[in-house]
Amino acid sequence: MSINHIVTALDSAHLDTKEQYVFYHKMVDFALKELIVTVQQNKLCNTQELIFFKQYSDLLLYSIEAMRIKYMYDDEDNMNVDLTESGFPNYLEFRYLFNDLSLRENYISKLKDVNQLQDEFLDTLLRKKRPIRRDKLFQAASVIYYTTVDKKYIFNRFVQGKIIESDAGKTKYLTSWSFFDVTHNRPFICFMYFDYTGNNIKDQKAELYEVLKMVADRKMALDTMAYTIDKKLPEVMPKHIKRIDLGPFHNVFAKDENKITHSILQSIGNKEIPLESYALSLKIDEVYSGSEFKEGSFFNKQTLQKWSTPIKQKYVFAPHRIIQLLYNKTPEIINDLVQPPIQMSDLKIK
């Protein structure tokens, strides 16, 4: 089956052929790598933030590649792309990877010997002149999956970054974290610039990480998140929190009600644009601390910070042809962006 015959039903979002897995992986891989470059070129992140942004994106790409290997020749299970405004694999797919790899030693002991598989493949191809059966290909893919994929590089529901000294100048420290929001089924990347009133930040590290994992692992009002972090960590003084909402990823496999996705799907259906057409939405929310106030009883007062109204910035990244399409079909969305759509390279899949 050629790539031009890939079809996904509107009421379904699972990938069920080798061609679809290869096609989808190439799209996500290309779009995220292009995004890293354009984010840097347009200075949406500073130098330190960009390093973390790339690291979290690499974890996401690594996980999706692992899914491709896991499912490519599996006749029983299929990988699911989320039906909400996402375009990324369903969150459960990441959990399946994590759970699988937690039991990798059990699976490895049951796998067929690599040398035996190689001999069988050579015998089938060279002597019998026959194609390799799918179940044999699945066995080979399973060997690669369980022996090469590392659990610690799977994009988990919450991924904590290190505390480093900030180059921004306004605060002493910077930390980052990323999470995969289960409700929205999209990855988010967060940065927090803060000061510390204690003697050694290492004394606070474990508690800081625990609080972030408890209260900042999902999409919520950013000023509420900032207030909660501030309240739970009396010696930590957050000054600036920045959250990047990565997605939706608008492509042929994303079956949602988003107007950009709908416009792209409609134009693909009308053969106005190629099957590999895509766009990527991105939102950046930021809050800053201002004056202080005291909260609590007379004997147990805590100094907290007042937070600014969240600054919300919407971006769209797409190739030139898709940008023209969006100007024609979704002008109201374009007008709501903080700047005109940012051009990315065309993806060409033969």
Protein backbone atom coordinates (compact mmCIF):
# COMPACT_ATOMS: atom_id res chain seq x y z
CA MET A 1 0.00 0.00 0.00
CA SER A 2 1.46 3.37 -0.99
CA ILE A 3 1.56 6.30 1.41
CA ASN A 4 -1.16 8.06 -0.60
CA HIS A 5 -3.64 5.34 0.34
CA ILE A 6 -3.43 5.93 4.09
CA VAL A 7 -6.92 6.52 5.44
CA THR A 8 -8.05 7.07 9.01
CA ALA A 9 -11.77 7.02 9.74
CA LEU A 10 -13.17 10.19 11.27
CA ASP A 11 -14.52 8.31 14.27
CA SER A 12 -11.24 6.50 14.90
CA ALA A 13 -7.69 7.52 15.58
CA HIS A 14 -5.73 4.30 15.82
CA LEU A 15 -2.82 3.44 13.58
CA ASP A 16 -3.04 -0.05 12.15
CA THR A 17 -0.48 -0.44 9.35
CA LYS A 18 3.28 -0.27 9.05
CA GLU A 19 2.96 2.66 6.64
CA GLN A 20 0.88 4.65 9.11
CA TYR A 21 3.38 4.14 11.94
CA VAL A 22 6.28 5.23 9.73
CA PHE A 23 4.31 8.17 8.32
CA TYR A 24 3.10 9.42 11.70
CA HIS A 25 6.53 9.12 13.30
CA LYS A 26 8.16 11.07 10.46
CA MET A 27 5.57 13.83 10.86
CA VAL A 28 6.00 14.20 14.62
CA ASP A 29 9.78 13.89 14.44
CA PHE A 30 10.02 16.51 11.68
CA ALA A 31 7.56 18.95 13.28
CA LEU A 32 9.17 18.89 16.75
CA LYS A 33 12.68 19.31 15.36
CA GLU A 34 11.48 22.21 13.22
CA LEU A 35 9.77 23.69 16.27
CA ILE A 36 13.00 23.67 18.29
CA VAL A 37 14.75 25.61 15.53
CA THR A 38 11.96 28.16 15.05
CA VAL A 39 11.51 28.70 18.81
CA GLN A 40 15.21 29.55 18.97
CA GLN A 41 15.11 31.78 15.88
CA ASN A 42 12.12 33.72 17.18
CA LYS A 43 13.57 33.95 20.72
CA LEU A 44 10.48 32.50 22.39
CA CYS A 45 12.85 30.89 24.91
CA ASN A 46 16.15 32.16 26.23
CA THR A 47 19.34 30.09 25.98
CA GLN A 48 18.81 28.16 29.23
CA GLU A 49 15.13 27.51 28.56
CA LEU A 50 15.90 26.29 25.06
CA ILE A 51 18.27 23.62 26.39
CA PHE A 52 15.51 22.22 28.62
CA PHE A 53 12.90 22.62 25.87
CA LYS A 54 15.04 20.48 23.58
CA GLN A 55 15.64 17.86 26.26
CA TYR A 56 11.92 17.42 26.97
CA SER A 57 11.15 17.32 23.24
CA ASP A 58 13.82 14.62 22.80
CA LEU A 59 12.11 12.52 25.50
CA LEU A 60 8.83 12.88 23.62
CA LEU A 61 10.45 11.87 20.32
CA TYR A 62 12.22 8.92 21.94
CA SER A 63 8.91 7.67 23.35
CA ILE A 64 7.08 7.95 20.04
CA GLU A 65 9.91 6.08 18.28
CA ALA A 66 9.60 3.35 20.92
CA MET A 67 5.87 3.15 20.15
CA ARG A 68 6.64 2.78 16.45
CA ILE A 69 8.93 -0.18 17.15
CA LYS A 70 6.48 -1.70 19.63
CA TYR A 71 3.42 -1.65 17.36
CA MET A 72 4.69 -1.80 13.78
CA TYR A 73 4.19 -5.54 13.26
CA ASP A 74 1.72 -6.20 16.06
CA ASP A 75 -1.54 -7.63 14.67
CA GLU A 76 -3.32 -7.58 18.03
CA ASP A 77 -2.80 -4.04 19.36
CA ASN A 78 -2.78 -0.61 17.72
CA MET A 79 -1.35 2.72 18.79
CA ASN A 80 -3.94 5.40 19.41
CA VAL A 81 -3.67 9.08 18.53
CA ASP A 82 -5.79 11.15 20.89
CA LEU A 83 -9.21 12.32 19.72
CA THR A 84 -9.19 15.56 21.75
CA GLU A 85 -7.32 18.69 20.67
CA SER A 86 -3.98 16.96 20.78
CA GLY A 87 -2.65 15.08 17.75
CA PHE A 88 -0.17 13.28 20.03
CA PRO A 89 -0.36 9.63 21.10
CA ASN A 90 -2.91 8.96 23.81
CA TYR A 91 -1.47 9.30 27.32
CA LEU A 92 -2.13 5.61 27.97
CA GLU A 93 0.41 4.75 25.27
CA PHE A 94 3.14 6.30 27.41
CA ARG A 95 1.93 4.32 30.41
CA TYR A 96 1.95 1.10 28.39
CA LEU A 97 5.58 1.75 27.44
CA PHE A 98 6.55 2.48 31.02
CA ASN A 99 4.76 -0.61 32.35
CA ASP A 100 6.18 -2.83 29.60
CA LEU A 101 9.72 -1.75 30.25
CA SER A 102 9.30 -2.20 34.00
CA LEU A 103 8.96 -5.91 33.22
CA ARG A 104 11.59 -6.01 30.47
CA GLU A 105 13.69 -8.72 32.15
CA ASN A 106 10.67 -11.05 32.18
CA TYR A 107 10.03 -10.42 28.49
CA ILE A 108 13.70 -10.65 27.45
CA SER A 109 13.95 -14.15 28.91
CA LYS A 110 11.09 -15.27 26.65
CA LEU A 111 12.39 -13.69 23.43
CA LYS A 112 13.78 -15.77 20.63
CA ASP A 113 17.57 -15.80 20.26
CA VAL A 114 18.80 -13.08 17.88
CA ASN A 115 21.18 -15.39 16.02
CA GLN A 116 18.41 -17.94 15.50
CA LEU A 117 16.12 -15.21 14.10
CA GLN A 118 18.85 -14.00 11.75
CA ASP A 119 19.43 -17.54 10.44
CA GLU A 120 15.69 -18.00 9.87
CA PHE A 121 15.43 -14.67 8.02
CA LEU A 122 18.39 -15.47 5.77
CA ASP A 123 17.05 -18.94 5.02
CA THR A 124 13.62 -17.55 4.13
CA LEU A 125 14.96 -14.74 1.94
CA LEU A 126 17.91 -16.44 0.23
CA ARG A 127 17.00 -20.11 0.01
CA LYS A 128 13.19 -20.15 0.01
CA LYS A 129 12.91 -16.77 -1.80
CA ARG A 130 9.89 -15.81 0.31
CA PRO A 131 9.02 -12.64 2.25
CA ILE A 132 9.35 -12.70 6.05
CA ARG A 133 6.05 -13.45 7.82
CA ARG A 134 4.57 -10.66 9.98
CA ASP A 135 4.77 -12.75 13.14
CA LYS A 136 8.51 -13.19 12.55
CA LEU A 137 8.90 -9.45 11.96
CA PHE A 138 7.03 -8.83 15.21
CA GLN A 139 9.42 -11.15 17.03
CA ALA A 140 12.37 -9.19 15.64
CA ALA A 141 10.74 -5.86 16.54
CA SER A 142 10.13 -7.15 20.08
CA VAL A 143 13.81 -8.03 20.44
CA ILE A 144 14.79 -4.49 19.40
CA TYR A 145 12.12 -2.94 21.62
CA TYR A 146 12.97 -4.79 24.84
CA THR A 147 16.74 -4.75 24.42
CA THR A 148 17.28 -1.16 23.24
CA VAL A 149 14.49 1.03 24.67
CA ASP A 150 15.37 2.48 28.08
CA LYS A 151 12.57 3.19 30.56
CA LYS A 152 14.30 6.23 32.02
CA TYR A 153 13.99 8.06 28.68
CA ILE A 154 10.22 7.56 28.34
CA PHE A 155 8.20 10.76 28.61
CA ASN A 156 6.39 10.20 31.90
CA ARG A 157 3.36 12.02 33.31
CA PHE A 158 5.74 14.27 35.25
CA VAL A 159 9.41 14.91 34.47
CA GLN A 160 11.46 17.04 36.85
CA GLY A 161 14.40 19.16 35.70
CA LYS A 162 17.36 20.25 37.79
CA ILE A 163 17.76 23.47 39.78
CA ILE A 164 20.41 25.65 38.17
CA GLU A 165 21.64 29.19 38.65
CA SER A 166 19.71 31.58 36.45
CA ASP A 167 21.38 33.69 33.76
CA ALA A 168 18.34 35.97 33.60
CA GLY A 169 19.72 38.29 36.29
CA LYS A 170 16.46 39.00 38.14
CA THR A 171 16.54 35.83 40.26
CA LYS A 172 19.23 33.47 41.45
CA TYR A 173 17.70 30.12 40.51
CA LEU A 174 15.82 28.47 37.67
CA THR A 175 14.13 25.09 37.61
CA SER A 176 12.02 23.38 34.98
CA TRP A 177 9.60 20.52 34.72
CA SER A 178 7.38 18.94 32.13
CA PHE A 179 4.12 17.03 32.35
CA PHE A 180 1.69 15.26 30.07
CA ASP A 181 -1.76 16.55 30.96
CA VAL A 182 -4.15 13.58 30.95
CA THR A 183 -7.25 15.71 30.32
CA HIS A 184 -5.87 17.70 27.40
CA ASN A 185 -3.51 14.92 26.30
CA ARG A 186 -0.71 17.30 25.47
CA PRO A 187 2.81 17.89 26.80
CA PHE A 188 3.53 21.05 28.81
CA ILE A 189 6.94 22.51 29.67
CA CYS A 190 7.33 24.85 32.65
CA PHE A 191 10.03 27.15 33.97
CA MET A 192 10.19 28.82 37.38
CA TYR A 193 12.60 31.60 38.30
CA PHE A 194 12.94 32.00 42.05
CA ASP A 195 15.02 33.17 45.00
CA TYR A 196 15.72 31.24 48.16
CA THR A 197 15.90 32.72 51.66
CA GLY A 198 17.68 29.72 53.21
CA ASN A 199 21.39 28.99 53.28
CA ASN A 200 21.74 26.15 50.77
CA ILE A 201 19.25 25.38 48.01
CA LYS A 202 20.21 21.70 48.17
CA ASP A 203 18.47 21.54 51.56
CA GLN A 204 15.21 22.52 49.86
CA LYS A 205 15.59 20.49 46.67
CA ALA A 206 13.66 17.36 47.68
CA GLU A 207 10.73 19.32 49.11
CA LEU A 208 10.63 21.66 46.11
CA TYR A 209 10.52 18.73 43.70
CA GLU A 210 7.77 17.05 45.71
CA VAL A 211 5.61 20.19 45.80
CA LEU A 212 5.97 20.73 42.04
CA LYS A 213 5.00 17.12 41.38
CA MET A 214 1.93 17.46 43.63
CA VAL A 215 0.55 20.86 42.58
CA ALA A 216 2.06 21.70 39.17
CA ASP A 217 1.51 18.49 37.18
CA ARG A 218 -1.57 19.56 35.25
CA LYS A 219 -2.98 22.53 33.37
CA MET A 220 -4.57 25.05 35.74
CA ALA A 221 -4.78 28.82 36.14
CA LEU A 222 -1.14 29.86 36.23
CA ASP A 223 -1.58 32.41 39.01
CA THR A 224 -3.26 29.71 41.11
CA MET A 225 -0.30 27.41 40.52
CA ALA A 226 2.13 30.17 41.48
CA TYR A 227 0.22 31.00 44.66
CA THR A 228 0.09 27.33 45.71
CA ILE A 229 3.82 26.83 45.17
CA ASP A 230 4.54 30.04 47.09
CA LYS A 231 2.31 28.99 49.98
CA LYS A 232 3.70 25.46 50.32
CA LEU A 233 7.36 26.53 50.18
CA PRO A 234 7.87 29.44 52.65
CA GLU A 235 11.60 29.77 51.92
CA VAL A 236 11.18 29.69 48.13
CA MET A 237 10.25 33.00 46.51
CA PRO A 238 8.93 32.39 42.97
CA LYS A 239 9.26 35.49 40.81
CA HIS A 240 8.38 34.36 37.31
CA ILE A 241 6.63 31.21 36.04
CA LYS A 242 6.43 30.38 32.34
CA ARG A 243 4.39 27.51 30.91
CA ILE A 244 4.51 26.28 27.31
CA ASP A 245 1.50 24.33 26.03
CA LEU A 246 2.79 22.19 23.17
CA GLY A 247 -0.05 21.54 20.77
CA PRO A 248 -2.41 20.70 19.31
CA PHE A 249 -0.43 19.07 16.53
CA HIS A 250 -2.74 19.49 13.54
CA ASN A 251 -2.32 16.67 11.01
CA VAL A 252 -4.20 14.03 9.05
CA PHE A 253 -4.35 11.70 12.09
CA ALA A 254 -5.82 14.33 14.47
CA LYS A 255 -9.59 13.99 14.44
CA ASP A 256 -10.87 16.80 16.65
CA GLU A 257 -13.14 19.83 16.43
CA ASN A 258 -10.30 22.35 16.34
CA LYS A 259 -10.81 24.80 13.48
CA ILE A 260 -7.22 24.59 12.28
CA THR A 261 -7.33 20.78 12.26
CA HIS A 262 -10.69 20.83 10.49
CA SER A 263 -9.40 23.23 7.81
CA ILE A 264 -6.36 21.05 7.15
CA LEU A 265 -8.41 17.84 7.01
CA GLN A 266 -10.96 19.44 4.69
CA SER A 267 -8.25 20.68 2.34
CA ILE A 268 -6.49 17.29 2.35
CA GLY A 269 -9.84 15.67 1.52
CA ASN A 270 -10.31 18.12 -1.38
CA LYS A 271 -6.74 17.35 -2.55
CA GLU A 272 -5.81 21.02 -2.21
CA ILE A 273 -2.82 20.19 -0.02
CA PRO A 274 -0.73 17.00 0.38
CA LEU A 275 -1.38 14.30 2.95
CA GLU A 276 1.69 15.28 5.01
CA SER A 277 0.47 18.84 5.61
CA TYR A 278 0.63 19.95 9.21
CA ALA A 279 0.52 22.85 11.64
CA LEU A 280 1.50 23.11 15.28
CA SER A 281 -0.15 25.39 17.83
CA LEU A 282 1.77 26.60 20.85
CA LYS A 283 0.69 28.71 23.81
CA ILE A 284 2.94 30.47 26.32
CA ASP A 285 1.46 31.70 29.61
CA GLU A 286 3.51 33.72 32.08
CA VAL A 287 2.98 35.30 35.51
CA TYR A 288 5.19 37.61 37.55
CA SER A 289 5.21 38.34 41.27
CA GLY A 290 4.56 41.86 42.50
CA SER A 291 3.90 43.19 45.96
CA GLU A 292 3.67 41.05 49.09
CA PHE A 293 0.89 40.37 51.62
CA LYS A 294 0.57 38.41 54.82
CA GLU A 295 -1.79 35.50 55.34
CA GLY A 296 -2.63 33.37 58.38
CA SER A 297 -3.33 33.85 62.08
CA PHE A 298 -1.60 36.38 64.33
CA PHE A 299 0.84 33.76 65.60
CA ASN A 300 1.36 31.98 62.28
CA LYS A 301 1.54 34.56 59.52
CA GLN A 302 3.20 33.84 56.20
CA THR A 303 4.43 36.39 53.70
CA LEU A 304 3.09 35.63 50.22
CA GLN A 305 3.33 37.38 46.88
CA LYS A 306 0.66 38.93 44.73
CA TRP A 307 0.72 37.65 41.18
CA SER A 308 0.11 39.48 37.95
CA THR A 309 -2.73 38.58 35.64
CA PRO A 310 -1.43 35.75 33.43
CA ILE A 311 0.02 36.92 30.13
CA LYS A 312 -1.34 34.62 27.42
CA GLN A 313 0.40 34.33 24.05
CA LYS A 314 -0.80 32.12 21.20
CA TYR A 315 1.37 31.01 18.29
CA VAL A 316 0.90 28.87 15.20
CA PHE A 317 3.77 27.23 13.31
CA ALA A 318 3.19 25.90 9.80
CA PRO A 319 4.66 25.68 6.28
CA HIS A 320 3.98 28.60 3.93
CA ARG A 321 1.14 26.89 2.02
CA ILE A 322 -0.69 26.06 5.26
CA ILE A 323 -0.26 29.62 6.54
CA GLN A 324 -1.97 30.89 3.37
CA LEU A 325 -4.73 28.34 3.90
CA LEU A 326 -5.30 29.47 7.50
CA TYR A 327 -5.45 33.14 6.50
CA ASN A 328 -8.24 32.22 4.09
CA LYS A 329 -10.19 29.76 6.25
CA THR A 330 -9.55 30.81 9.87
CA PRO A 331 -8.83 34.57 9.90
CA GLU A 332 -10.34 34.92 13.39
CA ILE A 333 -7.71 32.54 14.79
CA ILE A 334 -4.88 34.32 12.98
CA ASN A 335 -6.03 37.67 14.34
CA ASP A 336 -5.91 36.27 17.88
CA LEU A 337 -2.23 35.30 17.65
CA VAL A 338 0.44 37.36 19.37
CA GLN A 339 2.26 37.56 16.01
CA PRO A 340 1.64 36.29 12.46
CA PRO A 341 2.04 32.53 11.95
CA ILE A 342 5.67 31.44 12.08
CA GLN A 343 6.86 29.62 8.99
CA MET A 344 8.32 26.13 9.19
CA SER A 345 9.68 23.91 6.43
CA ASP A 346 7.51 21.69 4.27
CA LEU A 347 7.50 17.99 5.05
CA LYS A 348 7.86 15.83 1.95
CA ILE A 349 7.20 12.10 2.25
CA LYS A 350 7.42 9.99 -0.89
